[in-house]
PDB file of all heavy atoms in Angstrom:
ATOM      1  N   ALA A   1       1.988   9.832   1.690  1.00  0.00           N
ATOM      2  CA  ALA A   1       0.667   9.694   2.301  1.00  0.00           C
ATOM      3  C   ALA A   1       0.298   8.206   2.471  1.00  0.00           C
ATOM      4  O   ALA A   1      -0.279   7.807   3.496  1.00  0.00           O
ATOM      5  CB  ALA A   1      -0.388  10.409   1.454  1.00  0.00           C
ATOM      6  N   LEU A   2       0.605   7.390   1.483  1.00  0.00           N
ATOM      7  CA  LEU A   2       0.269   5.968   1.543  1.00  0.00           C
ATOM      8  C   LEU A   2       1.075   5.245   2.632  1.00  0.00           C
ATOM      9  O   LEU A   2       0.559   4.368   3.313  1.00  0.00           O
ATOM     10  CB  LEU A   2       0.502   5.313   0.195  1.00  0.00           C
ATOM     11  CG  LEU A   2      -0.515   5.683  -0.879  1.00  0.00           C
ATOM     12  CD1 LEU A   2      -0.112   5.133  -2.231  1.00  0.00           C
ATOM     13  CD2 LEU A   2      -1.929   5.192  -0.532  1.00  0.00           C
ATOM     14  N   GLN A   3       2.339   5.606   2.809  1.00  0.00           N
ATOM     15  CA  GLN A   3       3.125   4.966   3.853  1.00  0.00           C
ATOM     16  C   GLN A   3       2.548   5.310   5.236  1.00  0.00           C
ATOM     17  O   GLN A   3       2.479   4.461   6.124  1.00  0.00           O
ATOM     18  CB  GLN A   3       4.585   5.408   3.776  1.00  0.00           C
ATOM     19  CG  GLN A   3       5.341   4.803   2.599  1.00  0.00           C
ATOM     20  CD  GLN A   3       5.472   3.275   2.711  1.00  0.00           C
ATOM     21  OE1 GLN A   3       5.348   2.685   3.784  1.00  0.00           O
ATOM     22  NE2 GLN A   3       5.739   2.646   1.584  1.00  0.00           N
ATOM     23  N   ARG A   4       2.136   6.550   5.422  1.00  0.00           N
ATOM     24  CA  ARG A   4       1.505   6.953   6.686  1.00  0.00           C
ATOM     25  C   ARG A   4       0.210   6.162   6.859  1.00  0.00           C
ATOM     26  O   ARG A   4      -0.107   5.692   7.978  1.00  0.00           O
ATOM     27  CB  ARG A   4       1.186   8.431   6.703  1.00  0.00           C
ATOM     28  CG  ARG A   4       2.376   9.345   6.965  1.00  0.00           C
ATOM     29  CD  ARG A   4       1.887  10.773   7.175  1.00  0.00           C
ATOM     30  NE  ARG A   4       1.019  10.873   8.346  1.00  0.00           N
ATOM     31  CZ  ARG A   4       0.243  11.928   8.628  1.00  0.00           C
ATOM     32  NH1 ARG A   4       0.198  12.959   7.802  1.00  0.00           N
ATOM     33  NH2 ARG A   4      -0.518  11.947   9.704  1.00  0.00           N
ATOM     34  N   ARG A   5      -0.560   6.031   5.792  1.00  0.00           N
ATOM     35  CA  ARG A   5      -1.838   5.306   5.881  1.00  0.00           C
ATOM     36  C   ARG A   5      -1.606   3.839   6.228  1.00  0.00           C
ATOM     37  O   ARG A   5      -2.348   3.249   7.010  1.00  0.00           O
ATOM     38  CB  ARG A   5      -2.598   5.451   4.566  1.00  0.00           C
ATOM     39  CG  ARG A   5      -3.998   4.852   4.623  1.00  0.00           C
ATOM     40  CD  ARG A   5      -4.783   5.185   3.367  1.00  0.00           C
ATOM     41  NE  ARG A   5      -6.194   4.903   3.565  1.00  0.00           N
ATOM     42  CZ  ARG A   5      -6.813   3.808   3.079  1.00  0.00           C
ATOM     43  NH1 ARG A   5      -6.124   2.924   2.384  1.00  0.00           N
ATOM     44  NH2 ARG A   5      -8.095   3.631   3.283  1.00  0.00           N
ATOM     45  N   LEU A   6      -0.584   3.240   5.648  1.00  0.00           N
ATOM     46  CA  LEU A   6      -0.299   1.834   5.924  1.00  0.00           C
ATOM     47  C   LEU A   6      -0.022   1.625   7.397  1.00  0.00           C
ATOM     48  O   LEU A   6      -0.508   0.676   8.024  1.00  0.00           O
ATOM     49  CB  LEU A   6       0.904   1.352   5.067  1.00  0.00           C
ATOM     50  CG  LEU A   6       1.207  -0.137   5.141  1.00  0.00           C
ATOM     51  CD1 LEU A   6       0.043  -0.987   4.657  1.00  0.00           C
ATOM     52  CD2 LEU A   6       2.470  -0.428   4.336  1.00  0.00           C
ATOM     53  N   GLU A   7       0.786   2.491   7.974  1.00  0.00           N
ATOM     54  CA  GLU A   7       1.110   2.391   9.402  1.00  0.00           C
ATOM     55  C   GLU A   7      -0.147   2.521  10.272  1.00  0.00           C
ATOM     56  O   GLU A   7      -0.324   1.775  11.232  1.00  0.00           O
ATOM     57  CB  GLU A   7       2.111   3.482   9.785  1.00  0.00           C
ATOM     58  CG  GLU A   7       3.482   3.292   9.153  1.00  0.00           C
ATOM     59  CD  GLU A   7       4.386   4.492   9.342  1.00  0.00           C
ATOM     60  OE1 GLU A   7       3.977   5.423  10.077  1.00  0.00           O
ATOM     61  OE2 GLU A   7       5.470   4.522   8.757  1.00  0.00           O
ATOM     62  N   LEU A   8      -1.028   3.463   9.890  1.00  0.00           N
ATOM     63  CA  LEU A   8      -2.255   3.657  10.666  1.00  0.00           C
ATOM     64  C   LEU A   8      -3.186   2.448  10.566  1.00  0.00           C
ATOM     65  O   LEU A   8      -3.771   2.026  11.554  1.00  0.00           O
ATOM     66  CB  LEU A   8      -2.981   4.915  10.205  1.00  0.00           C
ATOM     67  CG  LEU A   8      -2.439   6.249  10.715  1.00  0.00           C
ATOM     68  CD1 LEU A   8      -3.163   7.411  10.045  1.00  0.00           C
ATOM     69  CD2 LEU A   8      -2.609   6.339  12.229  1.00  0.00           C
ATOM     70  N   THR A   9      -3.366   1.897   9.353  1.00  0.00           N
ATOM     71  CA  THR A   9      -4.273   0.768   9.197  1.00  0.00           C
ATOM     72  C   THR A   9      -3.771  -0.443   9.964  1.00  0.00           C
ATOM     73  O   THR A   9      -4.569  -1.234  10.518  1.00  0.00           O
ATOM     74  CB  THR A   9      -4.449   0.386   7.717  1.00  0.00           C
ATOM     75  OG1 THR A   9      -3.164   0.168   7.109  1.00  0.00           O
ATOM     76  CG2 THR A   9      -5.163   1.521   6.972  1.00  0.00           C
ATOM     77  N   ARG A  10      -2.471  -0.620  10.045  1.00  0.00           N
ATOM     78  CA  ARG A  10      -1.928  -1.721  10.831  1.00  0.00           C
ATOM     79  C   ARG A  10      -2.168  -1.498  12.323  1.00  0.00           C
ATOM     80  O   ARG A  10      -2.517  -2.428  13.041  1.00  0.00           O
ATOM     81  CB  ARG A  10      -0.432  -1.884  10.544  1.00  0.00           C
ATOM     82  CG  ARG A  10      -0.185  -2.515   9.178  1.00  0.00           C
ATOM     83  CD  ARG A  10       1.297  -2.475   8.819  1.00  0.00           C
ATOM     84  NE  ARG A  10       1.584  -3.269   7.619  1.00  0.00           N
ATOM     85  CZ  ARG A  10       2.712  -3.214   6.946  1.00  0.00           C
ATOM     86  NH1 ARG A  10       3.697  -2.406   7.349  1.00  0.00           N
ATOM     87  NH2 ARG A  10       2.901  -3.966   5.876  1.00  0.00           N
ATOM     88  N   THR A  11      -1.968  -0.265  12.768  1.00  0.00           N
ATOM     89  CA  THR A  11      -2.225   0.067  14.176  1.00  0.00           C
ATOM     90  C   THR A  11      -3.687  -0.158  14.528  1.00  0.00           C
ATOM     91  O   THR A  11      -4.010  -0.667  15.619  1.00  0.00           O
ATOM     92  CB  THR A  11      -1.844   1.520  14.458  1.00  0.00           C
ATOM     93  OG1 THR A  11      -0.453   1.707  14.206  1.00  0.00           O
ATOM     94  CG2 THR A  11      -2.135   1.895  15.900  1.00  0.00           C
ATOM     95  N   LEU A  12      -4.567   0.192  13.599  1.00  0.00           N
ATOM     96  CA  LEU A  12      -6.012   0.049  13.824  1.00  0.00           C
ATOM     97  C   LEU A  12      -6.499  -1.383  13.569  1.00  0.00           C
ATOM     98  O   LEU A  12      -7.682  -1.664  13.791  1.00  0.00           O
ATOM     99  CB  LEU A  12      -6.745   0.994  12.904  1.00  0.00           C
ATOM    100  CG  LEU A  12      -6.553   2.510  13.163  1.00  0.00           C
ATOM    101  CD1 LEU A  12      -7.067   3.324  11.991  1.00  0.00           C
ATOM    102  CD2 LEU A  12      -7.240   2.921  14.443  1.00  0.00           C
ATOM    103  N   GLU A  13      -5.609  -2.267  13.100  1.00  0.00           N
ATOM    104  CA  GLU A  13      -5.969  -3.618  12.729  1.00  0.00           C
ATOM    105  C   GLU A  13      -7.106  -3.636  11.713  1.00  0.00           C
ATOM    106  O   GLU A  13      -8.032  -4.463  11.763  1.00  0.00           O
ATOM    107  CB  GLU A  13      -6.349  -4.444  13.969  1.00  0.00           C
ATOM    108  CG  GLU A  13      -5.182  -4.590  14.961  1.00  0.00           C
ATOM    109  CD  GLU A  13      -5.523  -5.479  16.143  1.00  0.00           C
ATOM    110  OE1 GLU A  13      -6.704  -5.837  16.291  1.00  0.00           O
ATOM    111  OE2 GLU A  13      -4.605  -5.820  16.922  1.00  0.00           O
ATOM    112  N   ASP A  14      -7.008  -2.711  10.763  1.00  0.00           N
ATOM    113  CA  ASP A  14      -7.994  -2.561   9.689  1.00  0.00           C
ATOM    114  C   ASP A  14      -7.456  -3.307   8.473  1.00  0.00           C
ATOM    115  O   ASP A  14      -6.719  -2.739   7.655  1.00  0.00           O
ATOM    116  CB  ASP A  14      -8.217  -1.076   9.397  1.00  0.00           C
ATOM    117  CG  ASP A  14      -9.133  -0.828   8.224  1.00  0.00           C
ATOM    118  OD1 ASP A  14      -9.743  -1.798   7.714  1.00  0.00           O
ATOM    119  OD2 ASP A  14      -9.233   0.337   7.780  1.00  0.00           O
ATOM    120  N   ARG A  15      -7.834  -4.572   8.326  1.00  0.00           N
ATOM    121  CA  ARG A  15      -7.264  -5.371   7.242  1.00  0.00           C
ATOM    122  C   ARG A  15      -7.744  -4.924   5.885  1.00  0.00           C
ATOM    123  O   ARG A  15      -6.992  -4.962   4.898  1.00  0.00           O
ATOM    124  CB  ARG A  15      -7.572  -6.857   7.463  1.00  0.00           C
ATOM    125  CG  ARG A  15      -6.781  -7.456   8.634  1.00  0.00           C
ATOM    126  CD  ARG A  15      -6.802  -8.965   8.615  1.00  0.00           C
ATOM    127  NE  ARG A  15      -8.146  -9.498   8.838  1.00  0.00           N
ATOM    128  CZ  ARG A  15      -8.503 -10.778   8.753  1.00  0.00           C
ATOM    129  NH1 ARG A  15      -7.571 -11.665   8.422  1.00  0.00           N
ATOM    130  NH2 ARG A  15      -9.731 -11.183   8.974  1.00  0.00           N
ATOM    131  N   SER A  16      -8.985  -4.443   5.787  1.00  0.00           N
ATOM    132  CA  SER A  16      -9.481  -3.929   4.504  1.00  0.00           C
ATOM    133  C   SER A  16      -8.701  -2.683   4.113  1.00  0.00           C
ATOM    134  O   SER A  16      -8.289  -2.523   2.945  1.00  0.00           O
ATOM    135  CB  SER A  16     -10.970  -3.627   4.590  1.00  0.00           C
ATOM    136  OG  SER A  16     -11.716  -4.799   4.711  1.00  0.00           O
ATOM    137  N   GLY A  17      -8.516  -1.785   5.077  1.00  0.00           N
ATOM    138  CA  GLY A  17      -7.759  -0.579   4.792  1.00  0.00           C
ATOM    139  C   GLY A  17      -6.310  -0.872   4.448  1.00  0.00           C
ATOM    140  O   GLY A  17      -5.740  -0.240   3.542  1.00  0.00           O
ATOM    141  N   GLU A  18      -5.748  -1.848   5.117  1.00  0.00           N
ATOM    142  CA  GLU A  18      -4.354  -2.242   4.803  1.00  0.00           C
ATOM    143  C   GLU A  18      -4.286  -2.824   3.395  1.00  0.00           C
ATOM    144  O   GLU A  18      -3.325  -2.502   2.643  1.00  0.00           O
ATOM    145  CB  GLU A  18      -3.877  -3.290   5.834  1.00  0.00           C
ATOM    146  CG  GLU A  18      -2.418  -3.684   5.650  1.00  0.00           C
ATOM    147  CD  GLU A  18      -1.947  -4.703   6.662  1.00  0.00           C
ATOM    148  OE1 GLU A  18      -2.699  -4.961   7.646  1.00  0.00           O
ATOM    149  OE2 GLU A  18      -0.856  -5.259   6.473  1.00  0.00           O
ATOM    150  N   ALA A  19      -5.262  -3.640   3.040  1.00  0.00           N
ATOM    151  CA  ALA A  19      -5.279  -4.210   1.678  1.00  0.00           C
ATOM    152  C   ALA A  19      -5.391  -3.107   0.640  1.00  0.00           C
ATOM    153  O   ALA A  19      -4.687  -3.126  -0.375  1.00  0.00           O
ATOM    154  CB  ALA A  19      -6.435  -5.198   1.546  1.00  0.00           C
ATOM    155  N   ASN A  20      -6.302  -2.144   0.855  1.00  0.00           N
ATOM    156  CA  ASN A  20      -6.449  -1.033  -0.079  1.00  0.00           C
ATOM    157  C   ASN A  20      -5.147  -0.263  -0.254  1.00  0.00           C
ATOM    158  O   ASN A  20      -4.800   0.169  -1.348  1.00  0.00           O
ATOM    159  CB  ASN A  20      -7.530  -0.089   0.412  1.00  0.00           C
ATOM    160  CG  ASN A  20      -8.921  -0.684   0.356  1.00  0.00           C
ATOM    161  OD1 ASN A  20      -9.168  -1.620  -0.400  1.00  0.00           O
ATOM    162  ND2 ASN A  20      -9.835  -0.158   1.150  1.00  0.00           N
ATOM    163  N   THR A  21      -4.422  -0.101   0.863  1.00  0.00           N
ATOM    164  CA  THR A  21      -3.176   0.647   0.791  1.00  0.00           C
ATOM    165  C   THR A  21      -2.085  -0.120   0.055  1.00  0.00           C
ATOM    166  O   THR A  21      -1.320   0.454  -0.726  1.00  0.00           O
ATOM    167  CB  THR A  21      -2.684   1.007   2.221  1.00  0.00           C
ATOM    168  OG1 THR A  21      -3.784   1.618   2.943  1.00  0.00           O
ATOM    169  CG2 THR A  21      -1.523   1.985   2.167  1.00  0.00           C
ATOM    170  N   HIS A  22      -2.012  -1.441   0.279  1.00  0.00           N
ATOM    171  CA  HIS A  22      -1.063  -2.241  -0.490  1.00  0.00           C
ATOM    172  C   HIS A  22      -1.370  -2.161  -1.998  1.00  0.00           C
ATOM    173  O   HIS A  22      -0.445  -2.076  -2.818  1.00  0.00           O
ATOM    174  CB  HIS A  22      -1.117  -3.707  -0.025  1.00  0.00           C
ATOM    175  CG  HIS A  22      -0.280  -3.985   1.202  1.00  0.00           C
ATOM    176  ND1 HIS A  22       1.080  -3.859   1.205  1.00  0.00           N
ATOM    177  CD2 HIS A  22      -0.634  -4.375   2.463  1.00  0.00           C
ATOM    178  CE1 HIS A  22       1.555  -4.170   2.418  1.00  0.00           C
ATOM    179  NE2 HIS A  22       0.514  -4.478   3.176  1.00  0.00           N
ATOM    180  N   LEU A  23      -2.665  -2.217  -2.317  1.00  0.00           N
ATOM    181  CA  LEU A  23      -3.049  -2.126  -3.712  1.00  0.00           C
ATOM    182  C   LEU A  23      -2.592  -0.782  -4.316  1.00  0.00           C
ATOM    183  O   LEU A  23      -2.032  -0.728  -5.412  1.00  0.00           O
ATOM    184  CB  LEU A  23      -4.546  -2.282  -3.857  1.00  0.00           C
ATOM    185  CG  LEU A  23      -5.142  -2.200  -5.274  1.00  0.00           C
ATOM    186  CD1 LEU A  23      -4.538  -3.303  -6.153  1.00  0.00           C
ATOM    187  CD2 LEU A  23      -6.663  -2.304  -5.235  1.00  0.00           C
ATOM    188  N   ALA A  24      -2.821   0.307  -3.593  1.00  0.00           N
ATOM    189  CA  ALA A  24      -2.417   1.627  -4.060  1.00  0.00           C
ATOM    190  C   ALA A  24      -0.907   1.733  -4.184  1.00  0.00           C
ATOM    191  O   ALA A  24      -0.367   2.321  -5.140  1.00  0.00           O
ATOM    192  CB  ALA A  24      -2.971   2.703  -3.138  1.00  0.00           C
ATOM    193  N   LEU A  25      -0.175   1.180  -3.227  1.00  0.00           N
ATOM    194  CA  LEU A  25       1.291   1.209  -3.284  1.00  0.00           C
ATOM    195  C   LEU A  25       1.803   0.380  -4.460  1.00  0.00           C
ATOM    196  O   LEU A  25       2.823   0.727  -5.082  1.00  0.00           O
ATOM    197  CB  LEU A  25       1.894   0.678  -1.976  1.00  0.00           C
ATOM    198  CG  LEU A  25       1.843   1.662  -0.809  1.00  0.00           C
ATOM    199  CD1 LEU A  25       2.111   0.956   0.512  1.00  0.00           C
ATOM    200  CD2 LEU A  25       2.852   2.803  -1.008  1.00  0.00           C
ATOM    201  N   GLY A  26       1.094  -0.689  -4.784  1.00  0.00           N
ATOM    202  CA  GLY A  26       1.464  -1.467  -5.958  1.00  0.00           C
ATOM    203  C   GLY A  26       1.293  -0.648  -7.234  1.00  0.00           C
ATOM    204  O   GLY A  26       2.139  -0.678  -8.139  1.00  0.00           O
ATOM    205  N   GLN A  27       0.197   0.083  -7.332  1.00  0.00           N
ATOM    206  CA  GLN A  27      -0.026   0.925  -8.508  1.00  0.00           C
ATOM    207  C   GLN A  27       1.011   2.011  -8.601  1.00  0.00           C
ATOM    208  O   GLN A  27       1.475   2.389  -9.686  1.00  0.00           O
ATOM    209  CB  GLN A  27      -1.449   1.507  -8.443  1.00  0.00           C
ATOM    210  CG  GLN A  27      -2.510   0.434  -8.625  1.00  0.00           C
ATOM    211  CD  GLN A  27      -3.892   0.954  -8.304  1.00  0.00           C
ATOM    212  OE1 GLN A  27      -4.132   1.548  -7.261  1.00  0.00           O
ATOM    213  NE2 GLN A  27      -4.840   0.697  -9.202  1.00  0.00           N
ATOM    214  N   LEU A  28       1.435   2.539  -7.442  1.00  0.00           N
ATOM    215  CA  LEU A  28       2.487   3.545  -7.443  1.00  0.00           C
ATOM    216  C   LEU A  28       3.806   2.932  -7.900  1.00  0.00           C
ATOM    217  O   LEU A  28       4.572   3.562  -8.644  1.00  0.00           O
ATOM    218  CB  LEU A  28       2.638   4.107  -6.017  1.00  0.00           C
ATOM    219  CG  LEU A  28       3.507   5.353  -5.852  1.00  0.00           C
ATOM    220  CD1 LEU A  28       2.947   6.501  -6.639  1.00  0.00           C
ATOM    221  CD2 LEU A  28       3.608   5.708  -4.370  1.00  0.00           C
ATOM    222  N   ALA A  29       4.076   1.700  -7.493  1.00  0.00           N
ATOM    223  CA  ALA A  29       5.310   1.013  -7.939  1.00  0.00           C
ATOM    224  C   ALA A  29       5.313   0.825  -9.437  1.00  0.00           C
ATOM    225  O   ALA A  29       6.364   0.951 -10.098  1.00  0.00           O
ATOM    226  CB  ALA A  29       5.442  -0.334  -7.223  1.00  0.00           C
ATOM    227  N   ILE A  30       4.156   0.543 -10.019  1.00  0.00           N
ATOM    228  CA  ILE A  30       4.056   0.416 -11.465  1.00  0.00           C
ATOM    229  C   ILE A  30       4.484   1.712 -12.149  1.00  0.00           C
ATOM    230  O   ILE A  30       5.227   1.726 -13.126  1.00  0.00           O
ATOM    231  CB  ILE A  30       2.618   0.036 -11.902  1.00  0.00           C
ATOM    232  CG1 ILE A  30       2.300  -1.396 -11.511  1.00  0.00           C
ATOM    233  CG2 ILE A  30       2.411   0.244 -13.386  1.00  0.00           C
ATOM    234  CD1 ILE A  30       2.991  -2.434 -12.349  1.00  0.00           C
ATOM    235  N   ARG A  31       3.996   2.842 -11.606  1.00  0.00           N
ATOM    236  CA  ARG A  31       4.349   4.143 -12.184  1.00  0.00           C
ATOM    237  C   ARG A  31       5.873   4.390 -12.111  1.00  0.00           C
ATOM    238  O   ARG A  31       6.426   5.183 -12.871  1.00  0.00           O
ATOM    239  CB  ARG A  31       3.604   5.270 -11.479  1.00  0.00           C
ATOM    240  CG  ARG A  31       2.107   5.281 -11.706  1.00  0.00           C
ATOM    241  CD  ARG A  31       1.756   5.855 -13.079  1.00  0.00           C
ATOM    242  NE  ARG A  31       2.143   7.243 -13.175  1.00  0.00           N
ATOM    243  CZ  ARG A  31       1.420   8.283 -12.740  1.00  0.00           C
ATOM    244  NH1 ARG A  31       0.264   8.050 -12.148  1.00  0.00           N
ATOM    245  NH2 ARG A  31       1.855   9.522 -12.910  1.00  0.00           N
ATOM    246  N   ARG A  32       6.501   3.740 -11.133  1.00  0.00           N
ATOM    247  CA  ARG A  32       7.958   3.887 -10.979  1.00  0.00           C
ATOM    248  C   ARG A  32       8.732   2.754 -11.650  1.00  0.00           C
ATOM    249  O   ARG A  32       9.938   2.597 -11.450  1.00  0.00           O
ATOM    250  CB  ARG A  32       8.304   3.913  -9.479  1.00  0.00           C
ATOM    251  CG  ARG A  32       7.788   5.173  -8.768  1.00  0.00           C
ATOM    252  CD  ARG A  32       7.896   5.032  -7.256  1.00  0.00           C
ATOM    253  NE  ARG A  32       7.690   6.323  -6.598  1.00  0.00           N
ATOM    254  CZ  ARG A  32       7.412   6.445  -5.305  1.00  0.00           C
ATOM    255  NH1 ARG A  32       7.293   5.369  -4.534  1.00  0.00           N
ATOM    256  NH2 ARG A  32       7.226   7.637  -4.753  1.00  0.00           N
ATOM    257  N   TYR A  33       8.024   1.935 -12.420  1.00  0.00           N
ATOM    258  CA  TYR A  33       8.616   0.847 -13.206  1.00  0.00           C
ATOM    259  C   TYR A  33       9.247  -0.226 -12.316  1.00  0.00           C
ATOM    260  O   TYR A  33      10.207  -0.894 -12.705  1.00  0.00           O
ATOM    261  CB  TYR A  33       9.657   1.386 -14.200  1.00  0.00           C
ATOM    262  CG  TYR A  33       9.093   2.470 -15.092  1.00  0.00           C
ATOM    263  CD1 TYR A  33       9.412   3.803 -14.868  1.00  0.00           C
ATOM    264  CD2 TYR A  33       8.230   2.148 -16.146  1.00  0.00           C
ATOM    265  CE1 TYR A  33       8.864   4.813 -15.662  1.00  0.00           C
ATOM    266  CE2 TYR A  33       7.697   3.142 -16.937  1.00  0.00           C
ATOM    267  CZ  TYR A  33       8.006   4.465 -16.692  1.00  0.00           C
ATOM    268  OH  TYR A  33       7.477   5.456 -17.478  1.00  0.00           O
ATOM    269  N   ASP A  34       8.694  -0.408 -11.111  1.00  0.00           N
ATOM    270  CA  ASP A  34       9.188  -1.419 -10.191  1.00  0.00           C
ATOM    271  C   ASP A  34       8.184  -2.572 -10.212  1.00  0.00           C
ATOM    272  O   ASP A  34       7.293  -2.679  -9.324  1.00  0.00           O
ATOM    273  CB  ASP A  34       9.320  -0.825  -8.780  1.00  0.00           C
ATOM    274  CG  ASP A  34       9.782  -1.843  -7.744  1.00  0.00           C
ATOM    275  OD1 ASP A  34      10.172  -2.952  -8.136  1.00  0.00           O
ATOM    276  OD2 ASP A  34       9.754  -1.504  -6.522  1.00  0.00           O
ATOM    277  N   LEU A  35       8.320  -3.471 -11.181  1.00  0.00           N
ATOM    278  CA  LEU A  35       7.329  -4.527 -11.352  1.00  0.00           C
ATOM    279  C   LEU A  35       7.385  -5.531 -10.212  1.00  0.00           C
ATOM    280  O   LEU A  35       6.336  -6.018  -9.743  1.00  0.00           O
ATOM    281  CB  LEU A  35       7.567  -5.242 -12.683  1.00  0.00           C
ATOM    282  CG  LEU A  35       7.397  -4.389 -13.937  1.00  0.00           C
ATOM    283  CD1 LEU A  35       7.517  -5.260 -15.177  1.00  0.00           C
ATOM    284  CD2 LEU A  35       6.081  -3.657 -13.931  1.00  0.00           C
ATOM    285  N   ASP A  36       8.590  -5.871  -9.754  1.00  0.00           N
ATOM    286  CA  ASP A  36       8.705  -6.839  -8.641  1.00  0.00           C
ATOM    287  C   ASP A  36       8.059  -6.271  -7.371  1.00  0.00           C
ATOM    288  O   ASP A  36       7.342  -6.969  -6.662  1.00  0.00           O
ATOM    289  CB  ASP A  36      10.157  -7.173  -8.387  1.00  0.00           C
ATOM    290  CG  ASP A  36      10.784  -7.996  -9.512  1.00  0.00           C
ATOM    291  OD1 ASP A  36      10.004  -8.620 -10.286  1.00  0.00           O
ATOM    292  OD2 ASP A  36      12.010  -8.018  -9.634  1.00  0.00           O
ATOM    293  N   GLY A  37       8.336  -4.990  -7.108  1.00  0.00           N
ATOM    294  CA  GLY A  37       7.732  -4.351  -5.935  1.00  0.00           C
ATOM    295  C   GLY A  37       6.220  -4.314  -6.048  1.00  0.00           C
ATOM    296  O   GLY A  37       5.509  -4.515  -5.039  1.00  0.00           O
ATOM    297  N   ALA A  38       5.716  -4.016  -7.249  1.00  0.00           N
ATOM    298  CA  ALA A  38       4.267  -3.963  -7.460  1.00  0.00           C
ATOM    299  C   ALA A  38       3.635  -5.334  -7.218  1.00  0.00           C
ATOM    300  O   ALA A  38       2.627  -5.443  -6.529  1.00  0.00           O
ATOM    301  CB  ALA A  38       3.959  -3.490  -8.872  1.00  0.00           C
ATOM    302  N   LEU A  39       4.246  -6.369  -7.773  1.00  0.00           N
ATOM    303  CA  LEU A  39       3.684  -7.716  -7.629  1.00  0.00           C
ATOM    304  C   LEU A  39       3.664  -8.126  -6.164  1.00  0.00           C
ATOM    305  O   LEU A  39       2.696  -8.761  -5.685  1.00  0.00           O
ATOM    306  CB  LEU A  39       4.486  -8.708  -8.471  1.00  0.00           C
ATOM    307  CG  LEU A  39       3.835 -10.077  -8.683  1.00  0.00           C
ATOM    308  CD1 LEU A  39       2.469  -9.936  -9.343  1.00  0.00           C
ATOM    309  CD2 LEU A  39       4.750 -10.964  -9.531  1.00  0.00           C
TER     310      LEU A  39
END
């Protein structure tokens, strides 16, 4: 769902929405123990 959302926010040029999605994807990376990806 987040990957789909990231594509849409970029298409819409919604920088706030894109930022929110990056933040959420970072939190998801933490749950997967991918610290470099999260950072």
